[in-house]
Amino acid sequence: AWAVLQHLGLEGYVRLTDEVMRTVDRIKQEVNTIPGLAVAGDPEGPVLSLAATPESNLGIYQAGDELQMRGWHLDKQQNPESLHLTVSYAHVASIGAFLKDLRDCAALASGWTRYRLAAATQEAAVRFLSRVFPPSWIRSLSRMAAGSGGERSAAMYGMIGSLPPGDDLREIVLDFMDQLYQPPRE
């Protein structure tokens, strides 16, 4: 950090920060024009959370999956369900392409696709099963979901979000994370 500040100087740092914040403002303005999508809260810095509006049919996790399929990697969050992004100077040049893809992906995630139907079915199944079966069975389901591969994770986030809080949920999340970070089997 010291070397970067020495290279850029105060004026250079302020210039880059100004460009980042203008990009953040552009994202906020554009998101407000996308049906069913909103910036959560009123962020003052370069960290944003995008959520579906309450009256919309937009599946925010499905929008995140669609963005991922196009090469954009936004984190999925809960409470509220949202997509998290941190804007840096590296994003300034690609903001036009991102906003176009965001608009297209939000439109896709507002309708019913086979992926959205599959995610909704899995979420409903987990809600039902979590009331009926022991936690060890639910952990097994999470392992299967984690091992299914692919870039789509909306169903997994929806399933975890539908479970009641507690130690069982903690174990399910830990099992899922364990599966994510195991080396691939030969």
C-alpha atoms as a PDB file:
ATOM      1  CA  ALA A   1       0.000   0.000   0.000  1.00  0.00           C
ATOM      2  CA  TRP A   2       2.848   2.359   0.866  1.00  0.00           C
ATOM      3  CA  ALA A   3       4.544   1.748  -2.501  1.00  0.00           C
ATOM      4  CA  VAL A   4       1.300   2.355  -4.406  1.00  0.00           C
ATOM      5  CA  LEU A   5       0.697   5.630  -2.579  1.00  0.00           C
ATOM      6  CA  GLN A   6       4.292   6.661  -3.242  1.00  0.00           C
ATOM      7  CA  HIS A   7       3.813   5.885  -6.940  1.00  0.00           C
ATOM      8  CA  LEU A   8       0.396   7.541  -7.327  1.00  0.00           C
ATOM      9  CA  GLY A   9       0.856  10.397  -4.917  1.00  0.00           C
ATOM     10  CA  LEU A  10      -2.071  12.067  -3.190  1.00  0.00           C
ATOM     11  CA  GLU A  11      -3.380  13.605  -6.417  1.00  0.00           C
ATOM     12  CA  GLY A  12      -3.267  10.257  -8.229  1.00  0.00           C
ATOM     13  CA  TYR A  13      -5.026   8.507  -5.359  1.00  0.00           C
ATOM     14  CA  VAL A  14      -7.754  11.159  -5.275  1.00  0.00           C
ATOM     15  CA  ARG A  15      -8.173  10.904  -9.081  1.00  0.00           C
ATOM     16  CA  LEU A  16      -8.601   7.105  -8.968  1.00  0.00           C
ATOM     17  CA  THR A  17     -10.993   7.349  -6.022  1.00  0.00           C
ATOM     18  CA  ASP A  18     -13.037   9.959  -7.872  1.00  0.00           C
ATOM     19  CA  GLU A  19     -13.327   7.654 -10.911  1.00  0.00           C
ATOM     20  CA  VAL A  20     -14.390   4.741  -8.705  1.00  0.00           C
ATOM     21  CA  MET A  21     -17.044   6.822  -6.956  1.00  0.00           C
ATOM     22  CA  ARG A  22     -18.374   8.147 -10.280  1.00  0.00           C
ATOM     23  CA  THR A  23     -18.647   4.509 -11.370  1.00  0.00           C
ATOM     24  CA  VAL A  24     -20.513   3.665  -8.155  1.00  0.00           C
ATOM     25  CA  ASP A  25     -22.909   6.559  -8.793  1.00  0.00           C
ATOM     26  CA  ARG A  26     -23.484   5.299 -12.338  1.00  0.00           C
ATOM     27  CA  ILE A  27     -24.250   1.796 -11.029  1.00  0.00           C
ATOM     28  CA  LYS A  28     -26.726   3.213  -8.502  1.00  0.00           C
ATOM     29  CA  GLN A  29     -28.469   5.301 -11.162  1.00  0.00           C
ATOM     30  CA  GLU A  30     -28.654   2.449 -13.681  1.00  0.00           C
ATOM     31  CA  VAL A  31     -29.850  -0.121 -11.131  1.00  0.00           C
ATOM     32  CA  ASN A  32     -32.761   2.163 -10.293  1.00  0.00           C
ATOM     33  CA  THR A  33     -33.897   1.917 -13.938  1.00  0.00           C
ATOM     34  CA  ILE A  34     -33.851  -1.912 -14.013  1.00  0.00           C
ATOM     35  CA  PRO A  35     -37.319  -3.333 -13.284  1.00  0.00           C
ATOM     36  CA  GLY A  36     -37.384  -5.357 -10.066  1.00  0.00           C
ATOM     37  CA  LEU A  37     -33.886  -4.411  -8.941  1.00  0.00           C
ATOM     38  CA  ALA A  38     -32.698  -1.921  -6.327  1.00  0.00           C
ATOM     39  CA  VAL A  39     -29.579  -0.931  -4.432  1.00  0.00           C
ATOM     40  CA  ALA A  40     -30.108  -1.952  -0.811  1.00  0.00           C
ATOM     41  CA  GLY A  41     -29.773   1.003   1.544  1.00  0.00           C
ATOM     42  CA  ASP A  42     -27.889   4.137   0.607  1.00  0.00           C
ATOM     43  CA  PRO A  43     -24.212   3.175   0.468  1.00  0.00           C
ATOM     44  CA  GLU A  44     -21.708   6.010   0.574  1.00  0.00           C
ATOM     45  CA  GLY A  45     -18.662   3.993  -0.451  1.00  0.00           C
ATOM     46  CA  PRO A  46     -17.740   1.525  -3.192  1.00  0.00           C
ATOM     47  CA  VAL A  47     -19.493  -1.465  -1.595  1.00  0.00           C
ATOM     48  CA  LEU A  48     -23.004  -2.158  -2.910  1.00  0.00           C
ATOM     49  CA  SER A  49     -25.718  -4.692  -2.307  1.00  0.00           C
ATOM     50  CA  LEU A  50     -28.289  -5.316  -5.043  1.00  0.00           C
ATOM     51  CA  ALA A  51     -31.668  -6.771  -4.071  1.00  0.00           C
ATOM     52  CA  ALA A  52     -34.978  -7.579  -5.705  1.00  0.00           C
ATOM     53  CA  THR A  53     -37.742  -5.107  -4.967  1.00  0.00           C
ATOM     54  CA  PRO A  54     -40.538  -6.559  -2.780  1.00  0.00           C
ATOM     55  CA  GLU A  55     -43.188  -6.309  -5.493  1.00  0.00           C
ATOM     56  CA  SER A  56     -41.042  -7.918  -8.209  1.00  0.00           C
ATOM     57  CA  ASN A  57     -40.756 -11.528  -9.325  1.00  0.00           C
ATOM     58  CA  LEU A  58     -36.990 -11.207  -9.741  1.00  0.00           C
ATOM     59  CA  GLY A  59     -34.964 -14.097  -8.310  1.00  0.00           C
ATOM     60  CA  ILE A  60     -31.850 -12.283  -7.125  1.00  0.00           C
ATOM     61  CA  TYR A  61     -29.803 -15.478  -6.711  1.00  0.00           C
ATOM     62  CA  GLN A  62     -30.814 -16.551 -10.212  1.00  0.00           C
ATOM     63  CA  ALA A  63     -29.680 -13.142 -11.508  1.00  0.00           C
ATOM     64  CA  GLY A  64     -26.351 -13.798  -9.757  1.00  0.00           C
ATOM     65  CA  ASP A  65     -26.085 -17.192 -11.440  1.00  0.00           C
ATOM     66  CA  GLU A  66     -26.814 -15.660 -14.843  1.00  0.00           C
ATOM     67  CA  LEU A  67     -24.133 -13.018 -14.231  1.00  0.00           C
ATOM     68  CA  GLN A  68     -21.691 -15.745 -13.224  1.00  0.00           C
ATOM     69  CA  MET A  69     -22.405 -17.585 -16.478  1.00  0.00           C
ATOM     70  CA  ARG A  70     -21.303 -14.386 -18.263  1.00  0.00           C
ATOM     71  CA  GLY A  71     -18.091 -14.086 -16.266  1.00  0.00           C
ATOM     72  CA  TRP A  72     -19.161 -11.674 -13.496  1.00  0.00           C
ATOM     73  CA  HIS A  73     -18.612 -12.866  -9.923  1.00  0.00           C
ATOM     74  CA  LEU A  74     -20.855 -11.240  -7.318  1.00  0.00           C
ATOM     75  CA  ASP A  75     -21.195 -12.687  -3.837  1.00  0.00           C
ATOM     76  CA  LYS A  76     -24.604 -13.881  -2.720  1.00  0.00           C
ATOM     77  CA  GLN A  77     -25.838 -12.672   0.676  1.00  0.00           C
ATOM     78  CA  GLN A  78     -28.827 -13.275   2.921  1.00  0.00           C
ATOM     79  CA  ASN A  79     -31.019 -11.119   5.147  1.00  0.00           C
ATOM     80  CA  PRO A  80     -31.949  -9.657   2.757  1.00  0.00           C
ATOM     81  CA  GLU A  81     -31.245 -11.900  -0.217  1.00  0.00           C
ATOM     82  CA  SER A  82     -28.887  -9.821  -2.320  1.00  0.00           C
ATOM     83  CA  LEU A  83     -25.806  -9.674  -4.509  1.00  0.00           C
ATOM     84  CA  HIS A  84     -22.732  -7.957  -3.103  1.00  0.00           C
ATOM     85  CA  LEU A  85     -20.144  -6.117  -5.142  1.00  0.00           C
ATOM     86  CA  THR A  86     -17.146  -4.010  -4.297  1.00  0.00           C
ATOM     87  CA  VAL A  87     -16.208  -1.540  -7.012  1.00  0.00           C
ATOM     88  CA  SER A  88     -12.528  -0.821  -7.578  1.00  0.00           C
ATOM     89  CA  TYR A  89     -10.554   1.072 -10.185  1.00  0.00           C
ATOM     90  CA  ALA A  90     -10.185  -2.191 -12.134  1.00  0.00           C
ATOM     91  CA  HIS A  91     -13.952  -2.104 -12.797  1.00  0.00           C
ATOM     92  CA  VAL A  92     -14.129   1.418 -14.209  1.00  0.00           C
ATOM     93  CA  ALA A  93     -13.369   0.420 -17.811  1.00  0.00           C
ATOM     94  CA  SER A  94     -15.863  -2.477 -17.904  1.00  0.00           C
ATOM     95  CA  ILE A  95     -18.859  -0.826 -16.256  1.00  0.00           C
ATOM     96  CA  GLY A  96     -20.835  -0.439 -19.498  1.00  0.00           C
ATOM     97  CA  ALA A  97     -20.608  -4.165 -20.263  1.00  0.00           C
ATOM     98  CA  PHE A  98     -21.470  -5.035 -16.655  1.00  0.00           C
ATOM     99  CA  LEU A  99     -24.569  -2.846 -16.605  1.00  0.00           C
ATOM    100  CA  LYS A 100     -25.797  -4.294 -19.913  1.00  0.00           C
ATOM    101  CA  ASP A 101     -25.344  -7.842 -18.592  1.00  0.00           C
ATOM    102  CA  LEU A 102     -26.970  -6.898 -15.276  1.00  0.00           C
ATOM    103  CA  ARG A 103     -30.037  -5.576 -17.104  1.00  0.00           C
ATOM    104  CA  ASP A 104     -30.234  -8.708 -19.302  1.00  0.00           C
ATOM    105  CA  CYS A 105     -29.724 -11.081 -16.355  1.00  0.00           C
ATOM    106  CA  ALA A 106     -32.340  -9.305 -14.231  1.00  0.00           C
ATOM    107  CA  ALA A 107     -34.834  -9.721 -17.073  1.00  0.00           C
ATOM    108  CA  LEU A 108     -34.011 -13.438 -17.330  1.00  0.00           C
ATOM    109  CA  ALA A 109     -34.304 -13.871 -13.555  1.00  0.00           C
ATOM    110  CA  SER A 110     -37.734 -12.236 -13.536  1.00  0.00           C
ATOM    111  CA  GLY A 111     -39.243 -15.046 -15.576  1.00  0.00           C
ATOM    112  CA  TRP A 112     -39.484 -18.746 -14.974  1.00  0.00           C
ATOM    113  CA  THR A 113     -36.582 -20.703 -16.429  1.00  0.00           C
ATOM    114  CA  ARG A 114     -35.778 -24.352 -15.859  1.00  0.00           C
ATOM    115  CA  TYR A 115     -33.000 -23.265 -13.483  1.00  0.00           C
ATOM    116  CA  ARG A 116     -35.346 -21.113 -11.443  1.00  0.00           C
ATOM    117  CA  LEU A 117     -37.940 -23.881 -11.319  1.00  0.00           C
ATOM    118  CA  ALA A 118     -35.273 -26.368 -10.176  1.00  0.00           C
ATOM    119  CA  ALA A 119     -34.051 -23.970  -7.474  1.00  0.00           C
ATOM    120  CA  ALA A 120     -37.597 -23.300  -6.207  1.00  0.00           C
ATOM    121  CA  THR A 121     -38.325 -27.042  -6.117  1.00  0.00           C
ATOM    122  CA  GLN A 122     -35.140 -27.745  -4.164  1.00  0.00           C
ATOM    123  CA  GLU A 123     -35.869 -24.930  -1.704  1.00  0.00           C
ATOM    124  CA  ALA A 124     -39.396 -26.209  -1.081  1.00  0.00           C
ATOM    125  CA  ALA A 125     -38.105 -29.762  -0.630  1.00  0.00           C
ATOM    126  CA  VAL A 126     -35.512 -28.658   1.921  1.00  0.00           C
ATOM    127  CA  ARG A 127     -38.086 -26.612   3.871  1.00  0.00           C
ATOM    128  CA  PHE A 128     -40.319 -29.681   4.054  1.00  0.00           C
ATOM    129  CA  LEU A 129     -37.517 -32.148   4.776  1.00  0.00           C
ATOM    130  CA  SER A 130     -36.007 -29.956   7.500  1.00  0.00           C
ATOM    131  CA  ARG A 131     -39.261 -30.312   9.447  1.00  0.00           C
ATOM    132  CA  VAL A 132     -39.557 -34.063   8.929  1.00  0.00           C
ATOM    133  CA  PHE A 133     -36.101 -35.655   8.767  1.00  0.00           C
ATOM    134  CA  PRO A 134     -33.138 -35.654  11.146  1.00  0.00           C
ATOM    135  CA  PRO A 135     -30.347 -33.096  10.635  1.00  0.00           C
ATOM    136  CA  SER A 136     -27.914 -35.787   9.450  1.00  0.00           C
ATOM    137  CA  TRP A 137     -30.139 -36.423   6.424  1.00  0.00           C
ATOM    138  CA  ILE A 138     -30.305 -32.719   5.658  1.00  0.00           C
ATOM    139  CA  ARG A 139     -26.493 -32.544   5.874  1.00  0.00           C
ATOM    140  CA  SER A 140     -26.342 -35.378   3.340  1.00  0.00           C
ATOM    141  CA  LEU A 141     -28.562 -33.368   0.998  1.00  0.00           C
ATOM    142  CA  SER A 142     -26.261 -30.374   1.340  1.00  0.00           C
ATOM    143  CA  ARG A 143     -23.287 -32.569   0.472  1.00  0.00           C
ATOM    144  CA  MET A 144     -25.089 -33.732  -2.664  1.00  0.00           C
ATOM    145  CA  ALA A 145     -25.893 -30.131  -3.609  1.00  0.00           C
ATOM    146  CA  ALA A 146     -22.285 -29.111  -3.022  1.00  0.00           C
ATOM    147  CA  GLY A 147     -20.993 -31.987  -5.090  1.00  0.00           C
ATOM    148  CA  SER A 148     -23.286 -31.314  -8.029  1.00  0.00           C
ATOM    149  CA  GLY A 149     -20.766 -28.903  -9.579  1.00  0.00           C
ATOM    150  CA  GLY A 150     -21.474 -26.181 -12.086  1.00  0.00           C
ATOM    151  CA  GLU A 151     -21.618 -22.445 -11.694  1.00  0.00           C
ATOM    152  CA  ARG A 152     -25.235 -22.197 -10.570  1.00  0.00           C
ATOM    153  CA  SER A 153     -25.695 -21.893  -6.800  1.00  0.00           C
ATOM    154  CA  ALA A 154     -29.073 -20.150  -6.437  1.00  0.00           C
ATOM    155  CA  ALA A 155     -30.720 -23.347  -5.193  1.00  0.00           C
ATOM    156  CA  MET A 156     -28.064 -23.891  -2.533  1.00  0.00           C
ATOM    157  CA  TYR A 157     -28.372 -20.323  -1.229  1.00  0.00           C
ATOM    158  CA  GLY A 158     -32.152 -20.573  -1.273  1.00  0.00           C
ATOM    159  CA  MET A 159     -32.055 -23.886   0.594  1.00  0.00           C
ATOM    160  CA  ILE A 160     -29.772 -22.553   3.305  1.00  0.00           C
ATOM    161  CA  GLY A 161     -31.863 -19.400   3.578  1.00  0.00           C
ATOM    162  CA  SER A 162     -35.026 -21.450   4.089  1.00  0.00           C
ATOM    163  CA  LEU A 163     -33.672 -23.433   7.049  1.00  0.00           C
ATOM    164  CA  PRO A 164     -34.325 -22.295  10.606  1.00  0.00           C
ATOM    165  CA  PRO A 165     -31.284 -20.812  12.378  1.00  0.00           C
ATOM    166  CA  GLY A 166     -29.420 -22.962  14.856  1.00  0.00           C
ATOM    167  CA  ASP A 167     -26.678 -25.535  15.234  1.00  0.00           C
ATOM    168  CA  ASP A 168     -28.086 -27.721  12.435  1.00  0.00           C
ATOM    169  CA  LEU A 169     -27.832 -24.845   9.975  1.00  0.00           C
ATOM    170  CA  ARG A 170     -24.278 -24.169  11.131  1.00  0.00           C
ATOM    171  CA  GLU A 171     -23.349 -27.812  10.505  1.00  0.00           C
ATOM    172  CA  ILE A 172     -24.945 -27.764   7.056  1.00  0.00           C
ATOM    173  CA  VAL A 173     -23.006 -24.650   6.067  1.00  0.00           C
ATOM    174  CA  LEU A 174     -19.747 -26.101   7.402  1.00  0.00           C
ATOM    175  CA  ASP A 175     -20.362 -29.358   5.515  1.00  0.00           C
ATOM    176  CA  PHE A 176     -21.068 -27.413   2.336  1.00  0.00           C
ATOM    177  CA  MET A 177     -17.920 -25.302   2.701  1.00  0.00           C
ATOM    178  CA  ASP A 178     -15.906 -28.436   3.382  1.00  0.00           C
ATOM    179  CA  GLN A 179     -17.164 -29.913   0.106  1.00  0.00           C
ATOM    180  CA  LEU A 180     -16.310 -26.739  -1.805  1.00  0.00           C
ATOM    181  CA  TYR A 181     -12.696 -26.721  -0.718  1.00  0.00           C
ATOM    182  CA  GLN A 182     -11.814 -30.356  -1.214  1.00  0.00           C
ATOM    183  CA  PRO A 183      -9.519 -31.147  -4.114  1.00  0.00           C
ATOM    184  CA  PRO A 184     -11.237 -32.731  -7.111  1.00  0.00           C
ATOM    185  CA  ARG A 185     -11.386 -36.493  -7.077  1.00  0.00           C
ATOM    186  CA  GLU A 186      -9.388 -38.185  -9.819  1.00  0.00           C
END
